[in-house]
């Protein structure tokens, strides 16, 4: 692998897909043996991966502005959806055909119809930019956009793209998750904190906690079925590289 960025395991096909930022490839491996089956070259900087279990399609962000559509059954590239810049985090809605995509270079959210494989709308960010992480609360039709300049989470209405409220967070955010069970937002920030907000209703939120972590610790994963939050801490000086595991209560 060459700078792996996005990884996903598709259990129904026993396949692992890995997007590599270093050489711009998306590799398909056997799940049990890790044998390489095929490798797709996506020009450069292959990054985030998402899966549509109904269509059996993978969506892989890459390069200066594109999302590749890949058949999860055989690893074949089915097409591409052009964007106005490199796609960072993106989320697929389950109740419809849309994909919401952070495009920091354009300071907007691109809305894709994944059936048409085309951008059908763009929602400009008015009060913030450098929009990298994203989470979706589909039940309440809210999209959470993590921005670095200034350090905020912008909450948008997915029916219109309208910004509902902005929440001040710590600096250098890179991952963001919505906990549907506990009605919370978790934001991992490289400044050295996990910021936690409670959702009072779709338009109102309150700061619950600011958990100290370590400098540069901004990559994370929330596992809702386990009630666990995993944080990658990089090695810096006397700080050891490690994975920290937090219990969600």
Foldseek 3Di string as FASTA:
>chain_A
DAQWAEWDADVVQQWIWTQHQGQQKIWIARNPPRHTDDIDHPPHGWHYWDADVVQQWIWIWGDQFKIWIARNNRGDTDDIEGDNGTWADWDADNVAQWIWTAHQVQQWIFIARNVVSYTPDIQHDDPFGQWHEWEDDVVQQWIWTAGQGPGWTFIARNVPRDTQDIGHDDHAAHYWYAQPVQQKIWIAHQCFWIWIWHDPDSRDIGTDDTHGGHHHFHDWDQDNVQQKIWIWDPDDDPDHTDIDIDHHD
